[in-house]
Structures are given as structure tokens and as C-alpha cells.
């Protein structure tokens, strides 16, 4: 008996929530009327434009940073490979050895 009352209550409660939601949605005025009644201050609009511009720049900076990291990585790998290939030459290897000995 208690389960039946609970299921009836759940069904009525669910329907009441749906009806209330529909009434709330219907009570909202049309978009044209809202535009007439709500207006923002020029300071607010300027602040919003700045915020949107900052967000756009943020995406641009992320892309630039991402690709510059890739370019730097390729540069380091290429430089290391070229340096390693040049170490096969005995004259270059002697010059590098002398430089390291002189520094330390």
C-alpha cells in the first residue's frame, strides 16, 4: 500500500514540476520586448568588448606558443644531429676537446 502511495506521489510531483517549468517558460516575454526593457551601460559594453578581445588574443597566443615550442624542439634536434655528425671529423673533435678542457 505504501509503495502505491509513493508511486502516485512521484507521478503527481513529476507532473507538477513539468507544469511549473512550462508556466515559467511561457511567462518570459519575447526577445524583442526584452531588448526594449533591458539596456546595458556604455561602460559595461566596453568592458565586454575588451573581455572578448582578450579571449580572442588568448587563443592566438596559445597557438603561437604551441608552434614555437615545436619549432624550438626541431631546431634543437637538428643542431644536435649536425653537431654529432661533425664530431666524426678528428679536427672538430680535437677543437671541442680543447674547448672543454679550457673551460674546466
PDB file of N, CA and C in Angstrom:
ATOM      1  N   UNK A   1       0.818  -1.189   0.000  1.00  0.00           N
ATOM      2  CA  UNK A   1       0.000   0.000   0.000  1.00  0.00           C
ATOM      3  C   UNK A   1       0.864   1.256   0.000  1.00  0.00           C
ATOM      4  N   UNK A   2       1.948   1.220   0.779  1.00  0.00           N
ATOM      5  CA  UNK A   2       2.831   2.361   0.880  1.00  0.00           C
ATOM      6  C   UNK A   2       3.560   2.608  -0.442  1.00  0.00           C
ATOM      7  N   UNK A   3       3.923   1.528  -1.155  1.00  0.00           N
ATOM      8  CA  UNK A   3       4.600   1.668  -2.435  1.00  0.00           C
ATOM      9  C   UNK A   3       3.687   2.311  -3.469  1.00  0.00           C
ATOM     10  N   UNK A   4       2.410   2.000  -3.429  1.00  0.00           N
ATOM     11  CA  UNK A   4       1.457   2.586  -4.374  1.00  0.00           C
ATOM     12  C   UNK A   4       1.329   4.076  -4.107  1.00  0.00           C
ATOM     13  N   UNK A   5       1.238   4.463  -2.846  1.00  0.00           N
ATOM     14  CA  UNK A   5       1.137   5.887  -2.496  1.00  0.00           C
ATOM     15  C   UNK A   5       2.400   6.640  -2.923  1.00  0.00           C
ATOM     16  N   UNK A   6       3.544   6.004  -2.737  1.00  0.00           N
ATOM     17  CA  UNK A   6       4.798   6.632  -3.144  1.00  0.00           C
ATOM     18  C   UNK A   6       4.850   6.817  -4.655  1.00  0.00           C
ATOM     19  N   UNK A   7       4.437   5.840  -5.417  1.00  0.00           N
ATOM     20  CA  UNK A   7       4.481   5.965  -6.878  1.00  0.00           C
ATOM     21  C   UNK A   7       3.478   7.003  -7.363  1.00  0.00           C
ATOM     22  N   UNK A   8       2.307   7.090  -6.736  1.00  0.00           N
ATOM     23  CA  UNK A   8       1.324   8.119  -7.103  1.00  0.00           C
ATOM     24  C   UNK A   8       1.887   9.497  -6.774  1.00  0.00           C
ATOM     25  N   UNK A   9       2.496   9.618  -5.601  1.00  0.00           N
ATOM     26  CA  UNK A   9       3.096  10.899  -5.223  1.00  0.00           C
ATOM     27  C   UNK A   9       4.190  11.297  -6.199  1.00  0.00           C
ATOM     28  N   UNK A  10       5.054  10.349  -6.577  1.00  0.00           N
ATOM     29  CA  UNK A  10       6.132  10.624  -7.527  1.00  0.00           C
ATOM     30  C   UNK A  10       5.573  11.100  -8.868  1.00  0.00           C
ATOM     31  N   UNK A  11       4.528  10.451  -9.346  1.00  0.00           N
ATOM     32  CA  UNK A  11       3.933  10.832 -10.625  1.00  0.00           C
ATOM     33  C   UNK A  11       3.320  12.227 -10.544  1.00  0.00           C
ATOM     34  N   UNK A  12       2.594  12.506  -9.477  1.00  0.00           N
ATOM     35  CA  UNK A  12       1.992  13.833  -9.314  1.00  0.00           C
ATOM     36  C   UNK A  12       3.058  14.906  -9.153  1.00  0.00           C
ATOM     37  N   UNK A  13       4.086  14.587  -8.398  1.00  0.00           N
ATOM     38  CA  UNK A  13       5.177  15.542  -8.191  1.00  0.00           C
ATOM     39  C   UNK A  13       5.901  15.845  -9.504  1.00  0.00           C
ATOM     40  N   UNK A  14       6.168  14.807 -10.279  1.00  0.00           N
ATOM     41  CA  UNK A  14       6.827  14.973 -11.572  1.00  0.00           C
ATOM     42  C   UNK A  14       5.983  15.853 -12.499  1.00  0.00           C
ATOM     43  N   UNK A  15       4.680  15.601 -12.540  1.00  0.00           N
ATOM     44  CA  UNK A  15       3.791  16.392 -13.404  1.00  0.00           C
ATOM     45  C   UNK A  15       3.719  17.840 -12.925  1.00  0.00           C
ATOM     46  N   UNK A  16       3.702  18.049 -11.611  1.00  0.00           N
ATOM     47  CA  UNK A  16       3.660  19.409 -11.078  1.00  0.00           C
ATOM     48  C   UNK A  16       4.921  20.185 -11.459  1.00  0.00           C
ATOM     49  N   UNK A  17       6.065  19.524 -11.411  1.00  0.00           N
ATOM     50  CA  UNK A  17       7.324  20.182 -11.788  1.00  0.00           C
ATOM     51  C   UNK A  17       7.302  20.540 -13.270  1.00  0.00           C
ATOM     52  N   UNK A  18       6.836  19.645 -14.107  1.00  0.00           N
ATOM     53  CA  UNK A  18       6.762  19.906 -15.553  1.00  0.00           C
ATOM     54  C   UNK A  18       5.820  21.069 -15.829  1.00  0.00           C
ATOM     55  N   UNK A  19       4.671  21.089 -15.171  1.00  0.00           N
ATOM     56  CA  UNK A  19       3.711  22.178 -15.371  1.00  0.00           C
ATOM     57  C   UNK A  19       4.288  23.517 -14.924  1.00  0.00           C
ATOM     58  N   UNK A  20       4.961  23.530 -13.794  1.00  0.00           N
ATOM     59  CA  UNK A  20       5.560  24.768 -13.284  1.00  0.00           C
ATOM     60  C   UNK A  20       6.656  25.266 -14.230  1.00  0.00           C
ATOM     61  N   UNK A  21       7.459  24.339 -14.743  1.00  0.00           N
ATOM     62  CA  UNK A  21       8.508  24.716 -15.691  1.00  0.00           C
ATOM     63  C   UNK A  21       7.896  25.344 -16.942  1.00  0.00           C
ATOM     64  N   UNK A  22       6.863  24.736 -17.473  1.00  0.00           N
ATOM     65  CA  UNK A  22       6.210  25.275 -18.672  1.00  0.00           C
ATOM     66  C   UNK A  22       5.606  26.647 -18.412  1.00  0.00           C
ATOM     67  N   UNK A  23       5.021  26.856 -17.233  1.00  0.00           N
ATOM     68  CA  UNK A  23       4.474  28.169 -16.896  1.00  0.00           C
ATOM     69  C   UNK A  23       5.572  29.217 -16.811  1.00  0.00           C
ATOM     70  N   UNK A  24       6.703  28.858 -16.221  1.00  0.00           N
ATOM     71  CA  UNK A  24       7.829  29.788 -16.122  1.00  0.00           C
ATOM     72  C   UNK A  24       8.349  30.159 -17.513  1.00  0.00           C
ATOM     73  N   UNK A  25       8.481  29.192 -18.378  1.00  0.00           N
ATOM     74  CA  UNK A  25       8.960  29.459 -19.737  1.00  0.00           C
ATOM     75  C   UNK A  25       7.971  30.341 -20.483  1.00  0.00           C
ATOM     76  N   UNK A  26       6.685  30.089 -20.325  1.00  0.00           N
ATOM     77  CA  UNK A  26       5.673  30.898 -21.003  1.00  0.00           C
ATOM     78  C   UNK A  26       5.605  32.321 -20.453  1.00  0.00           C
ATOM     79  N   UNK A  27       6.012  32.526 -19.192  1.00  0.00           N
ATOM     80  CA  UNK A  27       5.929  33.857 -18.605  1.00  0.00           C
ATOM     81  C   UNK A  27       7.068  34.767 -19.056  1.00  0.00           C
ATOM     82  N   UNK A  28       8.092  34.224 -19.684  1.00  0.00           N
ATOM     83  CA  UNK A  28       9.207  35.043 -20.178  1.00  0.00           C
ATOM     84  C   UNK A  28       8.725  35.811 -21.406  1.00  0.00           C
ATOM     85  N   UNK A  29       8.926  37.141 -21.425  1.00  0.00           N
ATOM     86  CA  UNK A  29       8.473  37.921 -22.579  1.00  0.00           C
ATOM     87  C   UNK A  29       9.304  37.618 -23.825  1.00  0.00           C
ATOM     88  N   UNK A  30       8.803  37.970 -25.007  1.00  0.00           N
ATOM     89  CA  UNK A  30       9.550  37.728 -26.244  1.00  0.00           C
ATOM     90  C   UNK A  30      10.871  38.513 -26.263  1.00  0.00           C
ATOM     91  N   UNK A  31      11.750  38.076 -27.133  1.00  0.00           N
ATOM     92  CA  UNK A  31      13.091  38.660 -27.214  1.00  0.00           C
ATOM     93  C   UNK A  31      13.041  40.155 -27.552  1.00  0.00           C
ATOM     94  N   UNK A  32      12.171  40.550 -28.453  1.00  0.00           N
ATOM     95  CA  UNK A  32      12.078  41.959 -28.851  1.00  0.00           C
ATOM     96  C   UNK A  32      11.695  42.830 -27.658  1.00  0.00           C
ATOM     97  N   UNK A  33      10.787  42.328 -26.835  1.00  0.00           N
ATOM     98  CA  UNK A  33      10.364  43.090 -25.658  1.00  0.00           C
ATOM     99  C   UNK A  33      11.480  43.166 -24.622  1.00  0.00           C
ATOM    100  N   UNK A  34      12.215  42.088 -24.481  1.00  0.00           N
ATOM    101  CA  UNK A  34      13.337  42.098 -23.538  1.00  0.00           C
ATOM    102  C   UNK A  34      14.412  43.092 -23.966  1.00  0.00           C
ATOM    103  N   UNK A  35      14.666  43.182 -25.260  1.00  0.00           N
ATOM    104  CA  UNK A  35      15.672  44.118 -25.763  1.00  0.00           C
ATOM    105  C   UNK A  35      15.265  45.549 -25.446  1.00  0.00           C
ATOM    106  N   UNK A  36      13.960  45.852 -25.539  1.00  0.00           N
ATOM    107  CA  UNK A  36      13.481  47.195 -25.237  1.00  0.00           C
ATOM    108  C   UNK A  36      13.613  47.518 -23.747  1.00  0.00           C
ATOM    109  N   UNK A  37      13.359  46.552 -22.890  1.00  0.00           N
ATOM    110  CA  UNK A  37      13.351  46.831 -21.455  1.00  0.00           C
ATOM    111  C   UNK A  37      14.728  46.764 -20.815  1.00  0.00           C
ATOM    112  N   UNK A  38      15.627  45.968 -21.364  1.00  0.00           N
ATOM    113  CA  UNK A  38      16.950  45.804 -20.765  1.00  0.00           C
ATOM    114  C   UNK A  38      17.985  46.499 -21.640  1.00  0.00           C
ATOM    115  N   UNK A  39      18.714  47.433 -21.052  1.00  0.00           N
ATOM    116  CA  UNK A  39      19.801  48.088 -21.785  1.00  0.00           C
ATOM    117  C   UNK A  39      21.022  48.138 -20.867  1.00  0.00           C
ATOM    118  N   UNK A  40      22.181  47.974 -21.455  1.00  0.00           N
ATOM    119  CA  UNK A  40      23.417  47.954 -20.687  1.00  0.00           C
ATOM    120  C   UNK A  40      24.089  49.315 -20.775  1.00  0.00           C
ATOM    121  N   UNK A  41      24.850  49.640 -19.763  1.00  0.00           N
ATOM    122  CA  UNK A  41      25.571  50.906 -19.752  1.00  0.00           C
ATOM    123  C   UNK A  41      26.728  50.837 -20.748  1.00  0.00           C
ATOM    124  N   UNK A  42      27.157  52.003 -21.245  1.00  0.00           N
ATOM    125  CA  UNK A  42      28.299  52.001 -22.185  1.00  0.00           C
ATOM    126  C   UNK A  42      29.573  51.425 -21.558  1.00  0.00           C
ATOM    127  N   UNK A  43      29.751  51.655 -20.251  1.00  0.00           N
ATOM    128  CA  UNK A  43      30.940  51.103 -19.589  1.00  0.00           C
ATOM    129  C   UNK A  43      30.916  49.578 -19.604  1.00  0.00           C
ATOM    130  N   UNK A  44      29.738  49.029 -19.355  1.00  0.00           N
ATOM    131  CA  UNK A  44      29.604  47.575 -19.361  1.00  0.00           C
ATOM    132  C   UNK A  44      29.875  47.006 -20.751  1.00  0.00           C
ATOM    133  N   UNK A  45      29.309  47.634 -21.773  1.00  0.00           N
ATOM    134  CA  UNK A  45      29.535  47.150 -23.139  1.00  0.00           C
ATOM    135  C   UNK A  45      31.001  47.248 -23.530  1.00  0.00           C
ATOM    136  N   UNK A  46      31.664  48.331 -23.116  1.00  0.00           N
ATOM    137  CA  UNK A  46      33.098  48.475 -23.402  1.00  0.00           C
ATOM    138  C   UNK A  46      33.892  47.390 -22.691  1.00  0.00           C
ATOM    139  N   UNK A  47      33.529  47.101 -21.444  1.00  0.00           N
ATOM    140  CA  UNK A  47      34.215  46.045 -20.698  1.00  0.00           C
ATOM    141  C   UNK A  47      34.020  44.694 -21.361  1.00  0.00           C
ATOM    142  N   UNK A  48      32.827  44.425 -21.860  1.00  0.00           N
ATOM    143  CA  UNK A  48      32.554  43.153 -22.539  1.00  0.00           C
ATOM    144  C   UNK A  48      33.352  43.046 -23.842  1.00  0.00           C
ATOM    145  N   UNK A  49      33.449  44.145 -24.590  1.00  0.00           N
ATOM    146  CA  UNK A  49      34.252  44.119 -25.821  1.00  0.00           C
ATOM    147  C   UNK A  49      35.708  43.810 -25.507  1.00  0.00           C
ATOM    148  N   UNK A  50      36.219  44.427 -24.451  1.00  0.00           N
ATOM    149  CA  UNK A  50      37.605  44.159 -24.053  1.00  0.00           C
ATOM    150  C   UNK A  50      37.786  42.703 -23.640  1.00  0.00           C
ATOM    151  N   UNK A  51      36.816  42.182 -22.914  1.00  0.00           N
ATOM    152  CA  UNK A  51      36.892  40.791 -22.473  1.00  0.00           C
ATOM    153  C   UNK A  51      36.902  39.836 -23.661  1.00  0.00           C
ATOM    154  N   UNK A  52      36.030  40.075 -24.628  1.00  0.00           N
ATOM    155  CA  UNK A  52      36.004  39.211 -25.818  1.00  0.00           C
ATOM    156  C   UNK A  52      37.297  39.334 -26.613  1.00  0.00           C
ATOM    157  N   UNK A  53      37.835  40.554 -26.715  1.00  0.00           N
ATOM    158  CA  UNK A  53      39.097  40.742 -27.435  1.00  0.00           C
ATOM    159  C   UNK A  53      40.224  40.000 -26.723  1.00  0.00           C
ATOM    160  N   UNK A  54      40.233  40.049 -25.387  1.00  0.00           N
ATOM    161  CA  UNK A  54      41.269  39.349 -24.629  1.00  0.00           C
ATOM    162  C   UNK A  54      41.169  37.843 -24.829  1.00  0.00           C
ATOM    163  N   UNK A  55      39.964  37.314 -24.854  1.00  0.00           N
ATOM    164  CA  UNK A  55      39.776  35.880 -25.083  1.00  0.00           C
ATOM    165  C   UNK A  55      40.260  35.476 -26.475  1.00  0.00           C
ATOM    166  N   UNK A  56      40.016  36.342 -27.466  1.00  0.00           N
ATOM    167  CA  UNK A  56      40.470  36.040 -28.826  1.00  0.00           C
ATOM    168  C   UNK A  56      41.994  36.023 -28.880  1.00  0.00           C
ATOM    169  N   UNK A  57      42.617  37.010 -28.233  1.00  0.00           N
ATOM    170  CA  UNK A  57      44.084  37.046 -28.204  1.00  0.00           C
ATOM    171  C   UNK A  57      44.655  35.853 -27.453  1.00  0.00           C
ATOM    172  N   UNK A  58      43.980  35.425 -26.412  1.00  0.00           N
ATOM    173  CA  UNK A  58      44.448  34.293 -25.622  1.00  0.00           C
ATOM    174  C   UNK A  58      44.563  33.038 -26.487  1.00  0.00           C
ATOM    175  N   UNK A  59      43.577  32.805 -27.335  1.00  0.00           N
ATOM    176  CA  UNK A  59      43.640  31.665 -28.242  1.00  0.00           C
ATOM    177  C   UNK A  59      44.785  31.791 -29.232  1.00  0.00           C
ATOM    178  N   UNK A  60      44.997  33.015 -29.726  1.00  0.00           N
ATOM    179  CA  UNK A  60      46.095  33.256 -30.669  1.00  0.00           C
ATOM    180  C   UNK A  60      47.439  32.995 -29.986  1.00  0.00           C
ATOM    181  N   UNK A  61      47.608  33.481 -28.758  1.00  0.00           N
ATOM    182  CA  UNK A  61      48.869  33.275 -28.039  1.00  0.00           C
ATOM    183  C   UNK A  61      49.114  31.801 -27.759  1.00  0.00           C
ATOM    184  N   UNK A  62      48.068  31.062 -27.477  1.00  0.00           N
ATOM    185  CA  UNK A  62      48.236  29.628 -27.245  1.00  0.00           C
ATOM    186  C   UNK A  62      48.751  28.937 -28.499  1.00  0.00           C
ATOM    187  N   UNK A  63      48.191  29.292 -29.656  1.00  0.00           N
ATOM    188  CA  UNK A  63      48.650  28.688 -30.914  1.00  0.00           C
ATOM    189  C   UNK A  63      50.106  29.050 -31.186  1.00  0.00           C
ATOM    190  N   UNK A  64      50.446  30.323 -30.994  1.00  0.00           N
ATOM    191  CA  UNK A  64      51.822  30.761 -31.247  1.00  0.00           C
ATOM    192  C   UNK A  64      52.784  30.034 -30.320  1.00  0.00           C
ATOM    193  N   UNK A  65      52.438  29.916 -29.056  1.00  0.00           N
ATOM    194  CA  UNK A  65      53.296  29.229 -28.100  1.00  0.00           C
ATOM    195  C   UNK A  65      53.452  27.753 -28.462  1.00  0.00           C
ATOM    196  N   UNK A  66      52.355  27.111 -28.857  1.00  0.00           N
ATOM    197  CA  UNK A  66      52.406  25.698 -29.228  1.00  0.00           C
ATOM    198  C   UNK A  66      53.353  25.475 -30.402  1.00  0.00           C
ATOM    199  N   UNK A  67      53.200  26.280 -31.466  1.00  0.00           N
ATOM    200  CA  UNK A  67      54.029  26.079 -32.649  1.00  0.00           C
ATOM    201  C   UNK A  67      55.471  26.535 -32.419  1.00  0.00           C
ATOM    202  N   UNK A  68      55.696  27.554 -31.594  1.00  0.00           N
ATOM    203  CA  UNK A  68      57.074  27.965 -31.342  1.00  0.00           C
ATOM    204  C   UNK A  68      57.814  26.912 -30.519  1.00  0.00           C
ATOM    205  N   UNK A  69      57.103  26.200 -29.639  1.00  0.00           N
ATOM    206  CA  UNK A  69      57.744  25.089 -28.922  1.00  0.00           C
ATOM    207  C   UNK A  69      58.162  24.000 -29.892  1.00  0.00           C
ATOM    208  N   UNK A  70      57.307  23.720 -30.856  1.00  0.00           N
ATOM    209  CA  UNK A  70      57.656  22.690 -31.848  1.00  0.00           C
ATOM    210  C   UNK A  70      58.856  23.115 -32.683  1.00  0.00           C
ATOM    211  N   UNK A  71      58.872  24.372 -33.100  1.00  0.00           N
ATOM    212  CA  UNK A  71      59.997  24.866 -33.899  1.00  0.00           C
ATOM    213  C   UNK A  71      61.282  24.790 -33.088  1.00  0.00           C
ATOM    214  N   UNK A  72      61.235  25.179 -31.819  1.00  0.00           N
ATOM    215  CA  UNK A  72      62.426  25.122 -30.970  1.00  0.00           C
ATOM    216  C   UNK A  72      62.905  23.677 -30.797  1.00  0.00           C
ATOM    217  N   UNK A  73      61.974  22.756 -30.635  1.00  0.00           N
ATOM    218  CA  UNK A  73      62.361  21.350 -30.481  1.00  0.00           C
ATOM    219  C   UNK A  73      63.026  20.830 -31.745  1.00  0.00           C
ATOM    220  N   UNK A  74      62.467  21.148 -32.901  1.00  0.00           N
ATOM    221  CA  UNK A  74      63.072  20.717 -34.171  1.00  0.00           C
ATOM    222  C   UNK A  74      64.452  21.338 -34.333  1.00  0.00           C
ATOM    223  N   UNK A  75      64.589  22.603 -33.949  1.00  0.00           N
ATOM    224  CA  UNK A  75      65.891  23.274 -34.049  1.00  0.00           C
ATOM    225  C   UNK A  75      66.929  22.596 -33.158  1.00  0.00           C
ATOM    226  N   UNK A  76      66.548  22.274 -31.923  1.00  0.00           N
ATOM    227  CA  UNK A  76      67.491  21.629 -31.000  1.00  0.00           C
ATOM    228  C   UNK A  76      67.878  20.245 -31.507  1.00  0.00           C
ATOM    229  N   UNK A  77      66.925  19.489 -31.996  1.00  0.00           N
ATOM    230  CA  UNK A  77      67.226  18.144 -32.506  1.00  0.00           C
ATOM    231  C   UNK A  77      68.133  18.224 -33.724  1.00  0.00           C
ATOM    232  N   UNK A  78      67.834  19.142 -34.628  1.00  0.00           N
ATOM    233  CA  UNK A  78      68.659  19.294 -35.840  1.00  0.00           C
ATOM    234  C   UNK A  78      70.072  19.724 -35.483  1.00  0.00           C
ATOM    235  N   UNK A  79      70.195  20.695 -34.584  1.00  0.00           N
ATOM    236  CA  UNK A  79      71.519  21.167 -34.181  1.00  0.00           C
ATOM    237  C   UNK A  79      72.320  20.048 -33.522  1.00  0.00           C
ATOM    238  N   UNK A  80      71.667  19.267 -32.681  1.00  0.00           N
ATOM    239  CA  UNK A  80      72.356  18.155 -32.018  1.00  0.00           C
ATOM    240  C   UNK A  80      72.831  17.113 -33.024  1.00  0.00           C
ATOM    241  N   UNK A  81      71.996  16.800 -33.991  1.00  0.00           N
ATOM    242  CA  UNK A  81      72.401  15.819 -35.013  1.00  0.00           C
ATOM    243  C   UNK A  81      73.579  16.333 -35.846  1.00  0.00           C
ATOM    244  N   UNK A  82      73.525  17.593 -36.232  1.00  0.00           N
ATOM    245  CA  UNK A  82      74.624  18.162 -37.031  1.00  0.00           C
ATOM    246  C   UNK A  82      75.914  18.171 -36.208  1.00  0.00           C
ATOM    247  N   UNK A  83      75.806  18.559 -34.940  1.00  0.00           N
ATOM    248  CA  UNK A  83      76.996  18.568 -34.080  1.00  0.00           C
ATOM    249  C   UNK A  83      77.549  17.155 -33.919  1.00  0.00           C
ATOM    250  N   UNK A  84      76.662  16.174 -33.733  1.00  0.00           N
ATOM    251  CA  UNK A  84      77.118  14.789 -33.606  1.00  0.00           C
ATOM    252  C   UNK A  84      77.791  14.292 -34.874  1.00  0.00           C
ATOM    253  N   UNK A  85      77.258  14.671 -36.035  1.00  0.00           N
ATOM    254  CA  UNK A  85      77.877  14.242 -37.296  1.00  0.00           C
ATOM    255  C   UNK A  85      79.240  14.903 -37.482  1.00  0.00           C
ATOM    256  N   UNK A  86      79.361  16.138 -37.039  1.00  0.00           N
ATOM    257  CA  UNK A  86      80.640  16.841 -37.208  1.00  0.00           C
ATOM    258  C   UNK A  86      81.706  16.295 -36.263  1.00  0.00           C
ATOM    259  N   UNK A  87      81.292  15.650 -35.178  1.00  0.00           N
ATOM    260  CA  UNK A  87      82.280  15.091 -34.249  1.00  0.00           C
ATOM    261  C   UNK A  87      83.027  13.894 -34.835  1.00  0.00           C
ATOM    262  N   UNK A  88      82.530  13.337 -35.939  1.00  0.00           N
ATOM    263  CA  UNK A  88      83.266  12.259 -36.593  1.00  0.00           C
ATOM    264  C   UNK A  88      84.559  12.768 -37.227  1.00  0.00           C
ATOM    265  N   UNK A  89      84.646  14.048 -37.494  1.00  0.00           N
ATOM    266  CA  UNK A  89      85.855  14.646 -38.051  1.00  0.00           C
ATOM    267  C   UNK A  89      86.858  14.836 -36.906  1.00  0.00           C
ATOM    268  N   UNK A  90      88.086  14.301 -37.050  1.00  0.00           N
ATOM    269  CA  UNK A  90      89.077  14.394 -35.958  1.00  0.00           C
ATOM    270  C   UNK A  90      89.457  15.835 -35.597  1.00  0.00           C
ATOM    271  N   UNK A  91      89.495  16.736 -36.565  1.00  0.00           N
ATOM    272  CA  UNK A  91      89.870  18.122 -36.273  1.00  0.00           C
ATOM    273  C   UNK A  91      88.802  18.800 -35.409  1.00  0.00           C
ATOM    274  N   UNK A  92      87.542  18.555 -35.720  1.00  0.00           N
ATOM    275  CA  UNK A  92      86.451  19.141 -34.938  1.00  0.00           C
ATOM    276  C   UNK A  92      86.443  18.539 -33.541  1.00  0.00           C
ATOM    277  N   UNK A  93      86.647  17.228 -33.446  1.00  0.00           N
ATOM    278  CA  UNK A  93      86.656  16.567 -32.148  1.00  0.00           C
ATOM    279  C   UNK A  93      87.791  17.132 -31.282  1.00  0.00           C
ATOM    280  N   UNK A  94      88.966  17.386 -31.872  1.00  0.00           N
ATOM    281  CA  UNK A  94      90.100  17.950 -31.123  1.00  0.00           C
ATOM    282  C   UNK A  94      89.778  19.369 -30.666  1.00  0.00           C
ATOM    283  N   UNK A  95      89.135  20.152 -31.517  1.00  0.00           N
ATOM    284  CA  UNK A  95      88.782  21.527 -31.142  1.00  0.00           C
ATOM    285  C   UNK A  95      87.770  21.536 -30.000  1.00  0.00           C
ATOM    286  N   UNK A  96      86.787  20.639 -30.044  1.00  0.00           N
ATOM    287  CA  UNK A  96      85.790  20.556 -28.964  1.00  0.00           C
ATOM    288  C   UNK A  96      86.462  20.109 -27.672  1.00  0.00           C
ATOM    289  N   UNK A  97      87.376  19.145 -27.774  1.00  0.00           N
ATOM    290  CA  UNK A  97      88.092  18.656 -26.589  1.00  0.00           C
ATOM    291  C   UNK A  97      88.921  19.775 -25.964  1.00  0.00           C
ATOM    292  N   UNK A  98      89.609  20.540 -26.785  1.00  0.00           N
ATOM    293  CA  UNK A  98      90.421  21.645 -26.275  1.00  0.00           C
ATOM    294  C   UNK A  98      89.542  22.726 -25.625  1.00  0.00           C
ATOM    295  N   UNK A  99      88.399  22.985 -26.185  1.00  0.00           N
ATOM    296  CA  UNK A  99      87.480  23.992 -25.627  1.00  0.00           C
ATOM    297  C   UNK A  99      86.951  23.527 -24.276  1.00  0.00           C
ATOM    298  N   UNK A 100      86.567  22.264 -24.172  1.00  0.00           N
ATOM    299  CA  UNK A 100      86.043  21.755 -22.904  1.00  0.00           C
ATOM    300  C   UNK A 100      87.138  21.755 -21.842  1.00  0.00           C
ATOM    301  N   UNK A 101      88.367  21.362 -22.225  1.00  0.00           N
ATOM    302  CA  UNK A 101      89.473  21.369 -21.270  1.00  0.00           C
ATOM    303  C   UNK A 101      89.779  22.795 -20.810  1.00  0.00           C
ATOM    304  N   UNK A 102      89.716  23.741 -21.718  1.00  0.00           N
ATOM    305  CA  UNK A 102      89.997  25.131 -21.375  1.00  0.00           C
ATOM    306  C   UNK A 102      88.937  25.702 -20.440  1.00  0.00           C
ATOM    307  N   UNK A 103      87.704  25.352 -20.639  1.00  0.00           N
ATOM    308  CA  UNK A 103      86.628  25.860 -19.776  1.00  0.00           C
ATOM    309  C   UNK A 103      86.709  25.275 -18.362  1.00  0.00           C
ATOM    310  N   UNK A 104      87.058  24.014 -18.272  1.00  0.00           N
ATOM    311  CA  UNK A 104      87.077  23.370 -16.961  1.00  0.00           C
ATOM    312  C   UNK A 104      88.487  23.253 -16.446  1.00  0.00           C
TER     313      UNK A 104
END
